[in-house]
Each structure stands twice: as C-alpha cells, then as structure tokens.
Amino acid sequence: MAESADRGSGWSLQASAVPDGVRLELALSDLGGGPVTAAIVLDRAEARAFARALLAAAGDAAERTFPKPGV
C-alpha cells in the first residue's frame, strides 16, 4: 500500500492480485466531508497501460519541477 507523503492529505493506494488481473483501491479520508474509496479491476493489459501512464505523468512532473539548467 502506498500513502501520501503528507499525512494531512489522507489518501492511500492499494493494489492486489485478483483472478482477472489487478484490483486498485484509492481511498480518500475526506472528500466533500466524508471518506471515499474507489475500486477498479483491470486486466493485465489494462494494468500495464495504467502503470505506463502513471510513470509518464510522474516523469513529466519531475521534468517540470526540476528543469534542465541553462548551460
């Protein structure tokens, strides 16, 4: 399970194997005044595509946060 670095934001992400692929659960401790959990089941191909999209988004965010120094 992954949790946010900032404990104040109150979220967690859990992945678990299921017969048809992977079950992802995103839990938010406070969304509009109450806790919310969203769960989706992805087959292997969908899970791989989702993981690639998350990695691409993380890489893009890192590039925007730490731009190349001007030489």
C-alpha atoms as a PDB file:
ATOM      1  CA  MET A   1       0.000   0.000   0.000  1.00  0.00           C
ATOM      2  CA  ALA A   2       1.211   3.498  -0.808  1.00  0.00           C
ATOM      3  CA  GLU A   3       0.336   6.528   1.247  1.00  0.00           C
ATOM      4  CA  SER A   4       0.779  10.207   0.627  1.00  0.00           C
ATOM      5  CA  ALA A   5       3.961  11.784   1.956  1.00  0.00           C
ATOM      6  CA  ASP A   6       1.865  14.495   3.587  1.00  0.00           C
ATOM      7  CA  ARG A   7      -0.163  12.746   6.284  1.00  0.00           C
ATOM      8  CA  GLY A   8      -2.609  15.658   6.267  1.00  0.00           C
ATOM      9  CA  SER A   9      -3.925  14.818   2.804  1.00  0.00           C
ATOM     10  CA  GLY A  10      -5.145  11.392   3.931  1.00  0.00           C
ATOM     11  CA  TRP A  11      -5.037   9.096   0.937  1.00  0.00           C
ATOM     12  CA  SER A  12      -3.863   5.569   0.222  1.00  0.00           C
ATOM     13  CA  LEU A  13      -3.497   3.383  -2.844  1.00  0.00           C
ATOM     14  CA  GLN A  14      -3.564  -0.396  -2.660  1.00  0.00           C
ATOM     15  CA  ALA A  15      -3.087  -2.936  -5.440  1.00  0.00           C
ATOM     16  CA  SER A  16      -3.942  -6.604  -5.068  1.00  0.00           C
ATOM     17  CA  ALA A  17      -3.979  -9.559  -7.418  1.00  0.00           C
ATOM     18  CA  VAL A  18      -7.358 -10.955  -8.428  1.00  0.00           C
ATOM     19  CA  PRO A  19      -8.107 -13.859 -10.787  1.00  0.00           C
ATOM     20  CA  ASP A  20      -8.899 -11.471 -13.667  1.00  0.00           C
ATOM     21  CA  GLY A  21      -5.923  -9.122 -13.153  1.00  0.00           C
ATOM     22  CA  VAL A  22      -5.346  -6.371 -10.599  1.00  0.00           C
ATOM     23  CA  ARG A  23      -7.692  -4.578  -8.203  1.00  0.00           C
ATOM     24  CA  LEU A  24      -6.756  -0.979  -7.407  1.00  0.00           C
ATOM     25  CA  GLU A  25      -8.291   0.829  -4.448  1.00  0.00           C
ATOM     26  CA  LEU A  26      -7.838   4.551  -3.928  1.00  0.00           C
ATOM     27  CA  ALA A  27      -9.055   5.666  -0.503  1.00  0.00           C
ATOM     28  CA  LEU A  28      -9.505   9.329   0.427  1.00  0.00           C
ATOM     29  CA  SER A  29     -10.130  10.095   4.089  1.00  0.00           C
ATOM     30  CA  ASP A  30     -12.096  13.273   3.376  1.00  0.00           C
ATOM     31  CA  LEU A  31     -13.753  14.122   0.086  1.00  0.00           C
ATOM     32  CA  GLY A  32     -16.626  16.525   0.440  1.00  0.00           C
ATOM     33  CA  GLY A  33     -16.939  15.842   4.151  1.00  0.00           C
ATOM     34  CA  GLY A  34     -16.612  12.067   4.228  1.00  0.00           C
ATOM     35  CA  PRO A  35     -14.354   9.152   3.344  1.00  0.00           C
ATOM     36  CA  VAL A  36     -14.478   7.736  -0.192  1.00  0.00           C
ATOM     37  CA  THR A  37     -12.966   4.610  -1.709  1.00  0.00           C
ATOM     38  CA  ALA A  38     -12.841   3.990  -5.445  1.00  0.00           C
ATOM     39  CA  ALA A  39     -12.018   0.473  -6.632  1.00  0.00           C
ATOM     40  CA  ILE A  40     -11.405  -0.744 -10.173  1.00  0.00           C
ATOM     41  CA  VAL A  41     -10.371  -4.123 -11.552  1.00  0.00           C
ATOM     42  CA  LEU A  42      -8.030  -4.064 -14.542  1.00  0.00           C
ATOM     43  CA  ASP A  43      -6.945  -6.976 -16.685  1.00  0.00           C
ATOM     44  CA  ARG A  44      -3.207  -7.425 -17.190  1.00  0.00           C
ATOM     45  CA  ALA A  45      -3.034  -5.325 -20.359  1.00  0.00           C
ATOM     46  CA  GLU A  46      -5.067  -2.507 -18.799  1.00  0.00           C
ATOM     47  CA  ALA A  47      -2.936  -2.605 -15.640  1.00  0.00           C
ATOM     48  CA  ARG A  48       0.248  -2.322 -17.707  1.00  0.00           C
ATOM     49  CA  ALA A  49      -1.166   0.601 -19.704  1.00  0.00           C
ATOM     50  CA  PHE A  50      -2.255   2.310 -16.477  1.00  0.00           C
ATOM     51  CA  ALA A  51       1.206   1.807 -14.934  1.00  0.00           C
ATOM     52  CA  ARG A  52       2.877   3.255 -18.062  1.00  0.00           C
ATOM     53  CA  ALA A  53       0.574   6.283 -17.931  1.00  0.00           C
ATOM     54  CA  LEU A  54       1.384   6.872 -14.240  1.00  0.00           C
ATOM     55  CA  LEU A  55       5.111   6.608 -14.924  1.00  0.00           C
ATOM     56  CA  ALA A  56       4.835   9.045 -17.829  1.00  0.00           C
ATOM     57  CA  ALA A  57       2.899  11.514 -15.670  1.00  0.00           C
ATOM     58  CA  ALA A  58       5.470  11.207 -12.881  1.00  0.00           C
ATOM     59  CA  GLY A  59       8.315  11.790 -15.337  1.00  0.00           C
ATOM     60  CA  ASP A  60       6.582  14.829 -16.791  1.00  0.00           C
ATOM     61  CA  ALA A  61       6.005  16.235 -13.304  1.00  0.00           C
ATOM     62  CA  ALA A  62       9.661  15.679 -12.397  1.00  0.00           C
ATOM     63  CA  GLU A  63      10.832  17.472 -15.546  1.00  0.00           C
ATOM     64  CA  ARG A  64       8.554  20.422 -14.799  1.00  0.00           C
ATOM     65  CA  THR A  65       9.673  20.523 -11.161  1.00  0.00           C
ATOM     66  CA  PHE A  66      13.395  20.174 -11.884  1.00  0.00           C
ATOM     67  CA  PRO A  67      14.025  21.874 -15.255  1.00  0.00           C
ATOM     68  CA  LYS A  68      17.336  21.407 -17.010  1.00  0.00           C
ATOM     69  CA  PRO A  69      19.880  24.007 -16.000  1.00  0.00           C
ATOM     70  CA  GLY A  70      20.770  26.542 -18.670  1.00  0.00           C
ATOM     71  CA  VAL A  71      24.266  25.907 -19.958  1.00  0.00           C
END
